[in-house]
Each structure stands twice: as structure tokens, then as C-alpha cells.
Amino acid sequence: MTAEPTSARSATRYDADTLAALTADAATITARYPDPRSGLLPMLHLVQSVDGYVSRDGILFCAERLGLTPAEVSAVATFYTQYKRHPNGTYTVGVCTNTLCAVMGGDAVFDELSEHLGVGHDETTEDGAITLERVECNAACDYAPVVMVNWEFFDNQTPESATDLADRLRAGEQVAPTRGASSVCSFRQMSRVLAGFTDGRADEGVGAGEPTLAGLRLARAAAAVDGAAPSVEPAETTERAATGASAEVPPQTGGEQSSAEREPAAPGDESPGRSPSGGPANPEPEKGGSDD
């Protein structure tokens, strides 16, 4: 089911060609969901890919296509930081300043970039090239400190390497991320990818770096040593079957075992003066005090 516009004539100020292209893409998005309004998040990325931010017209377009009010769309657009409510730069340069990256120098990287570019958090350079951001954890702690350019990874950064990266971006040079795609696309192009329209670059570049692979190798080695319980050899299994013994391996010392699994103690195994349950065999009645 595809939602119909709330009016025959759009209230947006998009020209006819742009509106037609947006409408076709919006239909592709809403077709993915049983309820069209579920497509709001990718549709916000879609209008951002056209305007460079979530504009008033983008808000109205989403509302019309999904049968929502502009207030409902705005509430979502202002909740998530990936949606920009003012024009964004060609490149969003995000510096992780969360705990580990901060300890490894993320704050120093951000401060140097801020001074070098002359902008603060969520501000854009005068040439419109870079919007600088402090960002939360990028799930790349083994490469700290991390800088992201339009959500592509640049690992193990220093203040010097980060400012050099920014200068190259402003000069229009192609830069290669440490991992992921082989190049960095523009903010608008990335917004279209986030709307669900692939650009064919998903399998480019390095998928996982050496620190991640080293951790994976250590985890696999530990699992090989400690992860598998000892198995019963076929010969032992055959012998157990021949003697009628249980094929189950008893729990190891210190392992969990319910009381129902314990075999009753033989009479000769009981300690003198102890019952099979472990208490005194013939407990004496408690002696109460006398009032006499």
C-alpha cells in the first residue's frame, strides 16, 4: 500500500522535475513497509539527499506522502543527529570524543581541527566544505582515536593527520578511508545511500582491520582450548553400552548437579553419627531452660 498525498497539489516549493523524482523514490521506500509511515526515517534521508539538509519543503513532502502532520515529521527529524536542520557541508567530519577515543587523544584532535577550520561543533566552514562535529562512539574503539568523514572510517588519527585530511577535503582531493569504501562520497550522496538506494560501493576496500582480526584470532584460540567439553570416545561408548552403564558423562568436580541426580548413599558410606542427608543420625532434643 502506498500513501497518497494529503492534497492533489503539493505544498512544497520543489520544481516539477525534482518533485517527480522524489515522488518516485518515495514510492520505492514506502513499498518496503506494510504501513507507509514506517518509511519516515529513510524518507528523511531522501529529502536530505536533495536539499543537503531536512528543509521545510522536505518536512512537508514527507508529511504529504506518509499522511502525517508536519509537526510529527519535525519531531522525528529533530530527535536524530544525522538529520540536519540547517545546510550541511559537503563533508561531515566527525571526531569521536567518547571515553576511549578521548583518552587516546580525541579531544586534542577535535580542538586542533576546530582551531584550524575556525568552526565549532555542528558549524560549517565558510566555503561550505566541512561541517565539524563531536560524535559519540563509532564502535571502532580498537582504532582510537577515530575520525569519520560522511561516516567512513579514518583510524588512529592525530591532530596533524586530521588537519591534513581536512585540508585535502577542502582542496577537492580524493581521500581513501582506512576501512570500508575506497573513497569518500558527498554528504548528499551518503544521505541517499542511507535512504536505502545503494551506490555499489559496499564491498570496496578493507572490511576489517588488523586489530579486529587479531581479537578474532584470540577469541577463536581461547574457544578451541576452553570452549568444548570433553567428548566420549567411541570405544568408551561401546564399552559402556556393553556393560549396561549409562553413556552420560558425570559432571566434573565443582560442576552443577541437582539433588535429584545424586545416587543415594550406601549404608556403609555413611559417616558415624550422620544421616544420609548429612545431618546428625539421632539428633538430641533441644534442652529448654527450667523455670524451677
C-alpha atoms as a PDB file:
ATOM      1  CA  MET A   1       0.000   0.000   0.000  1.00  0.00           C
ATOM      2  CA  THR A   2       1.324   3.436  -0.919  1.00  0.00           C
ATOM      3  CA  ALA A   3       0.219   6.511   0.961  1.00  0.00           C
ATOM      4  CA  GLU A   4      -1.426   9.197  -1.116  1.00  0.00           C
ATOM      5  CA  PRO A   5      -0.591  12.888  -0.749  1.00  0.00           C
ATOM      6  CA  THR A   6      -2.897  14.766   1.576  1.00  0.00           C
ATOM      7  CA  SER A   7      -3.683  17.156  -1.257  1.00  0.00           C
ATOM      8  CA  ALA A   8      -3.660  16.896  -5.031  1.00  0.00           C
ATOM      9  CA  ARG A   9      -1.203  19.788  -5.223  1.00  0.00           C
ATOM     10  CA  SER A  10       1.975  19.658  -3.168  1.00  0.00           C
ATOM     11  CA  ALA A  11       2.546  22.495  -0.724  1.00  0.00           C
ATOM     12  CA  THR A  12       6.296  22.204  -1.284  1.00  0.00           C
ATOM     13  CA  ARG A  13       8.306  24.545  -3.478  1.00  0.00           C
ATOM     14  CA  TYR A  14      10.152  21.821  -5.377  1.00  0.00           C
ATOM     15  CA  ASP A  15      10.219  22.242  -9.140  1.00  0.00           C
ATOM     16  CA  ALA A  16       8.273  19.734 -11.220  1.00  0.00           C
ATOM     17  CA  ASP A  17      11.250  17.520 -12.101  1.00  0.00           C
ATOM     18  CA  THR A  18      12.567  17.353  -8.537  1.00  0.00           C
ATOM     19  CA  LEU A  19       9.107  16.631  -7.167  1.00  0.00           C
ATOM     20  CA  ALA A  20       8.552  13.861  -9.716  1.00  0.00           C
ATOM     21  CA  ALA A  21      11.883  12.212  -8.850  1.00  0.00           C
ATOM     22  CA  LEU A  22      11.215  12.488  -5.117  1.00  0.00           C
ATOM     23  CA  THR A  23       7.733  11.039  -5.536  1.00  0.00           C
ATOM     24  CA  ALA A  24       9.063   8.029  -7.450  1.00  0.00           C
ATOM     25  CA  ASP A  25      11.769   7.384  -4.844  1.00  0.00           C
ATOM     26  CA  ALA A  26       9.271   7.834  -2.012  1.00  0.00           C
ATOM     27  CA  ALA A  27       7.034   5.183  -3.587  1.00  0.00           C
ATOM     28  CA  THR A  28      10.003   2.798  -3.633  1.00  0.00           C
ATOM     29  CA  ILE A  29      10.618   3.454   0.059  1.00  0.00           C
ATOM     30  CA  THR A  30       7.018   3.080   1.235  1.00  0.00           C
ATOM     31  CA  ALA A  31       6.638  -0.146  -0.753  1.00  0.00           C
ATOM     32  CA  ARG A  32       9.123  -1.762   1.645  1.00  0.00           C
ATOM     33  CA  TYR A  33       6.774  -1.435   4.622  1.00  0.00           C
ATOM     34  CA  PRO A  34       3.280  -2.721   5.461  1.00  0.00           C
ATOM     35  CA  ASP A  35       2.499   0.692   6.973  1.00  0.00           C
ATOM     36  CA  PRO A  36       3.803   3.581   4.830  1.00  0.00           C
ATOM     37  CA  ARG A  37       4.575   5.793   7.836  1.00  0.00           C
ATOM     38  CA  SER A  38       7.255   3.268   8.812  1.00  0.00           C
ATOM     39  CA  GLY A  39       9.290   4.684   5.937  1.00  0.00           C
ATOM     40  CA  LEU A  40       9.752   8.070   7.603  1.00  0.00           C
ATOM     41  CA  LEU A  41      13.408   7.592   8.606  1.00  0.00           C
ATOM     42  CA  PRO A  42      14.699   6.668   5.135  1.00  0.00           C
ATOM     43  CA  MET A  43      12.449   9.305   3.578  1.00  0.00           C
ATOM     44  CA  LEU A  44      14.068  11.989   5.727  1.00  0.00           C
ATOM     45  CA  HIS A  45      17.435  10.841   4.400  1.00  0.00           C
ATOM     46  CA  LEU A  46      15.957  11.037   0.901  1.00  0.00           C
ATOM     47  CA  VAL A  47      14.898  14.683   1.160  1.00  0.00           C
ATOM     48  CA  GLN A  48      18.219  15.453   2.836  1.00  0.00           C
ATOM     49  CA  SER A  49      19.989  13.991  -0.194  1.00  0.00           C
ATOM     50  CA  VAL A  50      18.184  16.555  -2.367  1.00  0.00           C
ATOM     51  CA  ASP A  51      18.391  19.676  -0.194  1.00  0.00           C
ATOM     52  CA  GLY A  52      21.575  18.971   1.756  1.00  0.00           C
ATOM     53  CA  TYR A  53      19.567  19.116   4.982  1.00  0.00           C
ATOM     54  CA  VAL A  54      15.999  18.467   6.149  1.00  0.00           C
ATOM     55  CA  SER A  55      14.360  21.616   4.849  1.00  0.00           C
ATOM     56  CA  ARG A  56      10.856  22.981   5.329  1.00  0.00           C
ATOM     57  CA  ASP A  57       9.945  21.570   1.927  1.00  0.00           C
ATOM     58  CA  GLY A  58      11.404  18.204   2.901  1.00  0.00           C
ATOM     59  CA  ILE A  59       9.270  18.157   6.047  1.00  0.00           C
ATOM     60  CA  LEU A  60       6.134  18.978   4.057  1.00  0.00           C
ATOM     61  CA  PHE A  61       6.919  16.388   1.398  1.00  0.00           C
ATOM     62  CA  CYS A  62       7.345  13.604   3.973  1.00  0.00           C
ATOM     63  CA  ALA A  63       4.134  14.636   5.719  1.00  0.00           C
ATOM     64  CA  GLU A  64       2.163  14.632   2.455  1.00  0.00           C
ATOM     65  CA  ARG A  65       3.452  11.268   1.276  1.00  0.00           C
ATOM     66  CA  LEU A  66       3.026   9.490   4.614  1.00  0.00           C
ATOM     67  CA  GLY A  67      -0.219  11.006   5.869  1.00  0.00           C
ATOM     68  CA  LEU A  68       1.493  12.657   8.836  1.00  0.00           C
ATOM     69  CA  THR A  69       1.414  16.196  10.153  1.00  0.00           C
ATOM     70  CA  PRO A  70       4.465  18.434   9.688  1.00  0.00           C
ATOM     71  CA  ALA A  71       4.778  18.517  13.486  1.00  0.00           C
ATOM     72  CA  GLU A  72       5.047  14.720  13.629  1.00  0.00           C
ATOM     73  CA  VAL A  73       7.742  14.706  10.956  1.00  0.00           C
ATOM     74  CA  SER A  74       9.634  17.548  12.643  1.00  0.00           C
ATOM     75  CA  ALA A  75       9.574  15.699  15.966  1.00  0.00           C
ATOM     76  CA  VAL A  76      11.478  12.805  14.393  1.00  0.00           C
ATOM     77  CA  ALA A  77      13.815  14.986  12.341  1.00  0.00           C
ATOM     78  CA  THR A  78      14.915  16.935  15.419  1.00  0.00           C
ATOM     79  CA  PHE A  79      15.471  13.800  17.518  1.00  0.00           C
ATOM     80  CA  TYR A  80      18.239  12.161  15.457  1.00  0.00           C
ATOM     81  CA  THR A  81      21.542  13.949  14.913  1.00  0.00           C
ATOM     82  CA  GLN A  82      22.082  12.539  11.416  1.00  0.00           C
ATOM     83  CA  TYR A  83      19.228  14.747  10.217  1.00  0.00           C
ATOM     84  CA  LYS A  84      20.427  18.327   9.774  1.00  0.00           C
ATOM     85  CA  ARG A  85      18.020  21.233  10.144  1.00  0.00           C
ATOM     86  CA  HIS A  86      20.360  23.739   8.514  1.00  0.00           C
ATOM     87  CA  PRO A  87      22.561  23.450   5.400  1.00  0.00           C
ATOM     88  CA  ASN A  88      25.367  20.946   5.924  1.00  0.00           C
ATOM     89  CA  GLY A  89      28.829  20.960   4.413  1.00  0.00           C
ATOM     90  CA  THR A  90      29.894  18.704   1.571  1.00  0.00           C
ATOM     91  CA  TYR A  91      31.679  16.621   4.189  1.00  0.00           C
ATOM     92  CA  THR A  92      30.671  15.949   7.766  1.00  0.00           C
ATOM     93  CA  VAL A  93      33.900  15.487   9.715  1.00  0.00           C
ATOM     94  CA  GLY A  94      33.030  13.774  12.975  1.00  0.00           C
ATOM     95  CA  VAL A  95      35.589  13.351  15.739  1.00  0.00           C
ATOM     96  CA  CYS A  96      34.836  10.692  18.334  1.00  0.00           C
ATOM     97  CA  THR A  97      35.346  12.145  21.808  1.00  0.00           C
ATOM     98  CA  ASN A  98      33.747   9.318  23.752  1.00  0.00           C
ATOM     99  CA  THR A  99      35.693   7.660  26.561  1.00  0.00           C
ATOM    100  CA  LEU A 100      38.376   5.599  24.826  1.00  0.00           C
ATOM    101  CA  CYS A 101      38.916   7.941  21.890  1.00  0.00           C
ATOM    102  CA  ALA A 102      39.127  10.862  24.322  1.00  0.00           C
ATOM    103  CA  VAL A 103      41.742   9.044  26.401  1.00  0.00           C
ATOM    104  CA  MET A 104      43.698   8.255  23.233  1.00  0.00           C
ATOM    105  CA  GLY A 105      43.648  11.874  22.050  1.00  0.00           C
ATOM    106  CA  GLY A 106      40.210  12.500  20.538  1.00  0.00           C
ATOM    107  CA  ASP A 107      39.698  15.768  22.416  1.00  0.00           C
ATOM    108  CA  ALA A 108      43.049  17.065  21.171  1.00  0.00           C
ATOM    109  CA  VAL A 109      42.099  16.096  17.604  1.00  0.00           C
ATOM    110  CA  PHE A 110      38.793  17.969  17.838  1.00  0.00           C
ATOM    111  CA  ASP A 111      40.358  21.055  19.415  1.00  0.00           C
ATOM    112  CA  GLU A 112      43.048  21.234  16.733  1.00  0.00           C
ATOM    113  CA  LEU A 113      40.512  20.826  13.924  1.00  0.00           C
ATOM    114  CA  SER A 114      38.219  23.430  15.463  1.00  0.00           C
ATOM    115  CA  GLU A 115      41.012  25.988  15.654  1.00  0.00           C
ATOM    116  CA  HIS A 116      42.365  25.090  12.208  1.00  0.00           C
ATOM    117  CA  LEU A 117      38.963  25.344  10.492  1.00  0.00           C
ATOM    118  CA  GLY A 118      37.638  28.243  12.559  1.00  0.00           C
ATOM    119  CA  VAL A 119      34.396  26.458  13.459  1.00  0.00           C
ATOM    120  CA  GLY A 120      32.945  24.684  16.476  1.00  0.00           C
ATOM    121  CA  HIS A 121      30.638  21.720  16.923  1.00  0.00           C
ATOM    122  CA  ASP A 122      27.918  21.471  14.236  1.00  0.00           C
ATOM    123  CA  GLU A 123      29.276  24.514  12.421  1.00  0.00           C
ATOM    124  CA  THR A 124      30.262  24.729   8.765  1.00  0.00           C
ATOM    125  CA  THR A 125      33.279  26.374   7.179  1.00  0.00           C
ATOM    126  CA  GLU A 126      32.658  29.492   5.095  1.00  0.00           C
ATOM    127  CA  ASP A 127      33.409  27.654   1.855  1.00  0.00           C
ATOM    128  CA  GLY A 128      30.695  25.082   2.674  1.00  0.00           C
ATOM    129  CA  ALA A 129      33.163  22.208   2.505  1.00  0.00           C
ATOM    130  CA  ILE A 130      33.206  20.858   6.065  1.00  0.00           C
ATOM    131  CA  THR A 131      30.762  20.613   8.939  1.00  0.00           C
ATOM    132  CA  LEU A 132      32.642  19.706  12.117  1.00  0.00           C
ATOM    133  CA  GLU A 133      31.056  17.541  14.797  1.00  0.00           C
ATOM    134  CA  ARG A 134      31.813  15.854  18.059  1.00  0.00           C
ATOM    135  CA  VAL A 135      30.338  12.370  17.752  1.00  0.00           C
ATOM    136  CA  GLU A 136      29.604   9.573  20.165  1.00  0.00           C
ATOM    137  CA  CYS A 137      31.157   6.110  19.982  1.00  0.00           C
ATOM    138  CA  ASN A 138      31.678   4.882  16.417  1.00  0.00           C
ATOM    139  CA  ALA A 139      32.109   1.234  17.509  1.00  0.00           C
ATOM    140  CA  ALA A 140      35.753   1.365  16.452  1.00  0.00           C
ATOM    141  CA  CYS A 141      37.487   1.531  19.825  1.00  0.00           C
ATOM    142  CA  ASP A 142      40.365  -0.681  18.663  1.00  0.00           C
ATOM    143  CA  TYR A 143      41.364   2.095  16.229  1.00  0.00           C
ATOM    144  CA  ALA A 144      41.096   5.059  18.607  1.00  0.00           C
ATOM    145  CA  PRO A 145      41.101   7.947  18.114  1.00  0.00           C
ATOM    146  CA  VAL A 146      38.757   7.761  15.131  1.00  0.00           C
ATOM    147  CA  VAL A 147      37.606  10.476  12.734  1.00  0.00           C
ATOM    148  CA  MET A 148      34.714   9.845  10.352  1.00  0.00           C
ATOM    149  CA  VAL A 149      34.095  11.658   7.074  1.00  0.00           C
ATOM    150  CA  ASN A 150      30.488  11.157   5.983  1.00  0.00           C
ATOM    151  CA  TRP A 151      30.552   8.028   8.178  1.00  0.00           C
ATOM    152  CA  GLU A 152      33.633   6.499   6.563  1.00  0.00           C
ATOM    153  CA  PHE A 153      36.420   5.491   8.963  1.00  0.00           C
ATOM    154  CA  PHE A 154      39.760   7.241   9.334  1.00  0.00           C
ATOM    155  CA  ASP A 155      41.552   5.363  12.100  1.00  0.00           C
ATOM    156  CA  ASN A 156      44.362   6.138  14.552  1.00  0.00           C
ATOM    157  CA  GLN A 157      44.262   9.866  13.931  1.00  0.00           C
ATOM    158  CA  THR A 158      46.472  12.579  15.378  1.00  0.00           C
ATOM    159  CA  PRO A 159      45.884  16.340  15.374  1.00  0.00           C
ATOM    160  CA  GLU A 160      48.345  16.618  12.486  1.00  0.00           C
ATOM    161  CA  SER A 161      46.847  13.838  10.349  1.00  0.00           C
ATOM    162  CA  ALA A 162      43.316  15.135  10.956  1.00  0.00           C
ATOM    163  CA  THR A 163      44.131  18.693   9.860  1.00  0.00           C
ATOM    164  CA  ASP A 164      45.913  17.332   6.785  1.00  0.00           C
ATOM    165  CA  LEU A 165      42.792  15.291   5.985  1.00  0.00           C
ATOM    166  CA  ALA A 166      40.603  18.387   6.321  1.00  0.00           C
ATOM    167  CA  ASP A 167      42.894  20.410   4.043  1.00  0.00           C
ATOM    168  CA  ARG A 168      42.769  17.715   1.372  1.00  0.00           C
ATOM    169  CA  LEU A 169      38.977  17.585   1.543  1.00  0.00           C
ATOM    170  CA  ARG A 170      38.717  21.359   1.156  1.00  0.00           C
ATOM    171  CA  ALA A 171      41.108  21.225  -1.793  1.00  0.00           C
ATOM    172  CA  GLY A 172      38.826  18.730  -3.549  1.00  0.00           C
ATOM    173  CA  GLU A 173      41.293  15.841  -3.375  1.00  0.00           C
ATOM    174  CA  GLN A 174      40.143  12.234  -3.250  1.00  0.00           C
ATOM    175  CA  VAL A 175      40.866  10.644   0.121  1.00  0.00           C
ATOM    176  CA  ALA A 176      40.768   6.939   0.949  1.00  0.00           C
ATOM    177  CA  PRO A 177      39.232   5.745   4.231  1.00  0.00           C
ATOM    178  CA  THR A 178      41.202   3.327   6.379  1.00  0.00           C
ATOM    179  CA  ARG A 179      38.429   0.747   6.062  1.00  0.00           C
ATOM    180  CA  GLY A 180      35.277   0.435   4.009  1.00  0.00           C
ATOM    181  CA  ALA A 181      34.738   2.113   0.651  1.00  0.00           C
ATOM    182  CA  SER A 182      37.761   3.117  -1.414  1.00  0.00           C
ATOM    183  CA  SER A 183      36.758   6.784  -1.461  1.00  0.00           C
ATOM    184  CA  VAL A 184      34.519   9.281   0.297  1.00  0.00           C
ATOM    185  CA  CYS A 185      31.282  10.429  -1.304  1.00  0.00           C
ATOM    186  CA  SER A 186      29.500  13.703  -0.581  1.00  0.00           C
ATOM    187  CA  PHE A 187      27.065  14.257   2.267  1.00  0.00           C
ATOM    188  CA  ARG A 188      24.140  14.279  -0.166  1.00  0.00           C
ATOM    189  CA  GLN A 189      25.279  11.061  -1.818  1.00  0.00           C
ATOM    190  CA  MET A 190      25.682   9.366   1.556  1.00  0.00           C
ATOM    191  CA  SER A 191      22.206  10.528   2.578  1.00  0.00           C
ATOM    192  CA  ARG A 192      20.784   8.784  -0.473  1.00  0.00           C
ATOM    193  CA  VAL A 193      22.601   5.580   0.489  1.00  0.00           C
ATOM    194  CA  LEU A 194      21.130   5.849   3.993  1.00  0.00           C
ATOM    195  CA  ALA A 195      17.708   6.192   2.362  1.00  0.00           C
ATOM    196  CA  GLY A 196      18.239   2.677   1.014  1.00  0.00           C
ATOM    197  CA  PHE A 197      19.475   3.362  -2.511  1.00  0.00           C
ATOM    198  CA  THR A 198      22.801   1.567  -2.859  1.00  0.00           C
ATOM    199  CA  ASP A 199      25.745   3.072  -4.716  1.00  0.00           C
ATOM    200  CA  GLY A 200      27.531  -0.211  -5.449  1.00  0.00           C
ATOM    201  CA  ARG A 201      30.462   0.523  -3.127  1.00  0.00           C
ATOM    202  CA  ALA A 202      29.527  -1.715  -0.185  1.00  0.00           C
ATOM    203  CA  ASP A 203      32.182  -4.341  -0.965  1.00  0.00           C
ATOM    204  CA  GLU A 204      35.028  -1.944  -1.689  1.00  0.00           C
ATOM    205  CA  GLY A 205      38.139  -1.588   0.408  1.00  0.00           C
ATOM    206  CA  VAL A 206      39.145  -3.314   3.628  1.00  0.00           C
ATOM    207  CA  GLY A 207      36.316  -4.833   5.630  1.00  0.00           C
ATOM    208  CA  ALA A 208      38.147  -5.377   8.921  1.00  0.00           C
ATOM    209  CA  GLY A 209      41.495  -4.078  10.105  1.00  0.00           C
ATOM    210  CA  GLU A 210      44.301  -5.977  11.811  1.00  0.00           C
ATOM    211  CA  PRO A 211      43.299  -5.092  15.422  1.00  0.00           C
ATOM    212  CA  THR A 212      39.828  -6.534  14.841  1.00  0.00           C
ATOM    213  CA  LEU A 213      41.215  -9.665  13.184  1.00  0.00           C
ATOM    214  CA  ALA A 214      43.785 -10.124  15.964  1.00  0.00           C
ATOM    215  CA  GLY A 215      40.987 -10.077  18.528  1.00  0.00           C
ATOM    216  CA  LEU A 216      39.028 -12.594  16.473  1.00  0.00           C
ATOM    217  CA  ARG A 217      42.020 -14.933  16.326  1.00  0.00           C
ATOM    218  CA  LEU A 218      42.497 -14.718  20.101  1.00  0.00           C
ATOM    219  CA  ALA A 219      38.808 -15.450  20.676  1.00  0.00           C
ATOM    220  CA  ARG A 220      38.920 -18.486  18.411  1.00  0.00           C
ATOM    221  CA  ALA A 221      42.083 -19.780  20.072  1.00  0.00           C
ATOM    222  CA  ALA A 222      40.504 -19.419  23.519  1.00  0.00           C
ATOM    223  CA  ALA A 223      37.375 -21.229  22.347  1.00  0.00           C
ATOM    224  CA  ALA A 224      39.479 -24.089  20.978  1.00  0.00           C
ATOM    225  CA  VAL A 225      41.168 -24.515  24.371  1.00  0.00           C
ATOM    226  CA  ASP A 226      38.310 -23.862  26.786  1.00  0.00           C
ATOM    227  CA  GLY A 227      35.100 -23.848  24.819  1.00  0.00           C
ATOM    228  CA  ALA A 228      34.325 -27.512  24.085  1.00  0.00           C
ATOM    229  CA  ALA A 229      33.530 -30.075  26.791  1.00  0.00           C
ATOM    230  CA  PRO A 230      35.479 -33.372  26.601  1.00  0.00           C
ATOM    231  CA  SER A 231      33.684 -35.797  24.324  1.00  0.00           C
ATOM    232  CA  VAL A 232      33.220 -39.531  24.966  1.00  0.00           C
ATOM    233  CA  GLU A 233      35.379 -41.627  22.647  1.00  0.00           C
ATOM    234  CA  PRO A 234      33.560 -44.228  20.502  1.00  0.00           C
ATOM    235  CA  ALA A 235      35.396 -47.154  22.178  1.00  0.00           C
ATOM    236  CA  GLU A 236      34.377 -45.908  25.617  1.00  0.00           C
ATOM    237  CA  THR A 237      30.807 -45.504  24.442  1.00  0.00           C
ATOM    238  CA  THR A 238      30.781 -49.099  23.140  1.00  0.00           C
ATOM    239  CA  GLU A 239      32.150 -50.423  26.439  1.00  0.00           C
ATOM    240  CA  ARG A 240      29.505 -48.541  28.404  1.00  0.00           C
ATOM    241  CA  ALA A 241      26.765 -49.925  26.162  1.00  0.00           C
ATOM    242  CA  ALA A 242      28.073 -53.498  26.557  1.00  0.00           C
ATOM    243  CA  THR A 243      28.106 -53.297  30.347  1.00  0.00           C
ATOM    244  CA  GLY A 244      24.769 -51.535  30.542  1.00  0.00           C
ATOM    245  CA  ALA A 245      26.349 -48.469  32.137  1.00  0.00           C
ATOM    246  CA  SER A 246      24.959 -45.053  31.468  1.00  0.00           C
ATOM    247  CA  ALA A 247      26.528 -43.315  28.493  1.00  0.00           C
ATOM    248  CA  GLU A 248      26.237 -39.958  30.216  1.00  0.00           C
ATOM    249  CA  VAL A 249      29.429 -38.416  31.497  1.00  0.00           C
ATOM    250  CA  PRO A 250      29.057 -37.438  35.175  1.00  0.00           C
ATOM    251  CA  PRO A 251      29.511 -33.761  35.996  1.00  0.00           C
ATOM    252  CA  GLN A 252      33.055 -32.652  36.660  1.00  0.00           C
ATOM    253  CA  THR A 253      34.124 -31.727  40.164  1.00  0.00           C
ATOM    254  CA  GLY A 254      32.719 -28.347  41.001  1.00  0.00           C
ATOM    255  CA  GLY A 255      30.077 -28.526  38.286  1.00  0.00           C
ATOM    256  CA  GLU A 256      26.375 -28.074  38.842  1.00  0.00           C
ATOM    257  CA  GLN A 257      24.378 -31.141  39.777  1.00  0.00           C
ATOM    258  CA  SER A 258      20.856 -31.293  41.133  1.00  0.00           C
ATOM    259  CA  SER A 259      19.968 -33.304  44.212  1.00  0.00           C
ATOM    260  CA  ALA A 260      17.732 -35.497  42.044  1.00  0.00           C
ATOM    261  CA  GLU A 261      20.818 -36.666  40.122  1.00  0.00           C
ATOM    262  CA  ARG A 262      22.724 -37.788  43.224  1.00  0.00           C
ATOM    263  CA  GLU A 263      22.765 -41.521  43.933  1.00  0.00           C
ATOM    264  CA  PRO A 264      21.590 -42.453  47.436  1.00  0.00           C
ATOM    265  CA  ALA A 265      24.459 -43.178  49.765  1.00  0.00           C
ATOM    266  CA  ALA A 266      25.084 -46.831  50.606  1.00  0.00           C
ATOM    267  CA  PRO A 267      24.717 -47.762  54.288  1.00  0.00           C
ATOM    268  CA  GLY A 268      28.433 -48.402  54.617  1.00  0.00           C
ATOM    269  CA  ASP A 269      29.262 -44.988  53.184  1.00  0.00           C
ATOM    270  CA  GLU A 270      27.575 -43.079  55.957  1.00  0.00           C
ATOM    271  CA  SER A 271      29.803 -41.439  58.496  1.00  0.00           C
ATOM    272  CA  PRO A 272      29.232 -42.497  62.119  1.00  0.00           C
ATOM    273  CA  GLY A 273      26.577 -40.400  63.724  1.00  0.00           C
ATOM    274  CA  ARG A 274      25.497 -38.838  60.421  1.00  0.00           C
ATOM    275  CA  SER A 275      22.347 -39.427  58.395  1.00  0.00           C
ATOM    276  CA  PRO A 276      22.432 -39.803  54.570  1.00  0.00           C
ATOM    277  CA  SER A 277      21.282 -36.209  54.324  1.00  0.00           C
ATOM    278  CA  GLY A 278      24.366 -35.046  56.194  1.00  0.00           C
ATOM    279  CA  GLY A 279      22.672 -34.165  59.494  1.00  0.00           C
ATOM    280  CA  PRO A 280      23.049 -35.943  62.840  1.00  0.00           C
ATOM    281  CA  ALA A 281      21.686 -39.508  62.760  1.00  0.00           C
ATOM    282  CA  ASN A 282      19.855 -39.159  66.076  1.00  0.00           C
ATOM    283  CA  PRO A 283      19.568 -35.522  66.912  1.00  0.00           C
ATOM    284  CA  GLU A 284      19.029 -34.858  70.592  1.00  0.00           C
ATOM    285  CA  PRO A 285      16.035 -32.741  71.533  1.00  0.00           C
ATOM    286  CA  GLU A 286      16.896 -29.232  72.491  1.00  0.00           C
ATOM    287  CA  LYS A 287      17.090 -28.673  76.191  1.00  0.00           C
ATOM    288  CA  GLY A 288      14.928 -25.870  77.301  1.00  0.00           C
ATOM    289  CA  GLY A 289      15.580 -23.783  80.352  1.00  0.00           C
ATOM    290  CA  SER A 290      13.709 -24.584  83.576  1.00  0.00           C
ATOM    291  CA  ASP A 291      11.647 -22.090  85.441  1.00  0.00           C
ATOM    292  CA  ASP A 292      12.137 -24.084  88.595  1.00  0.00           C
END
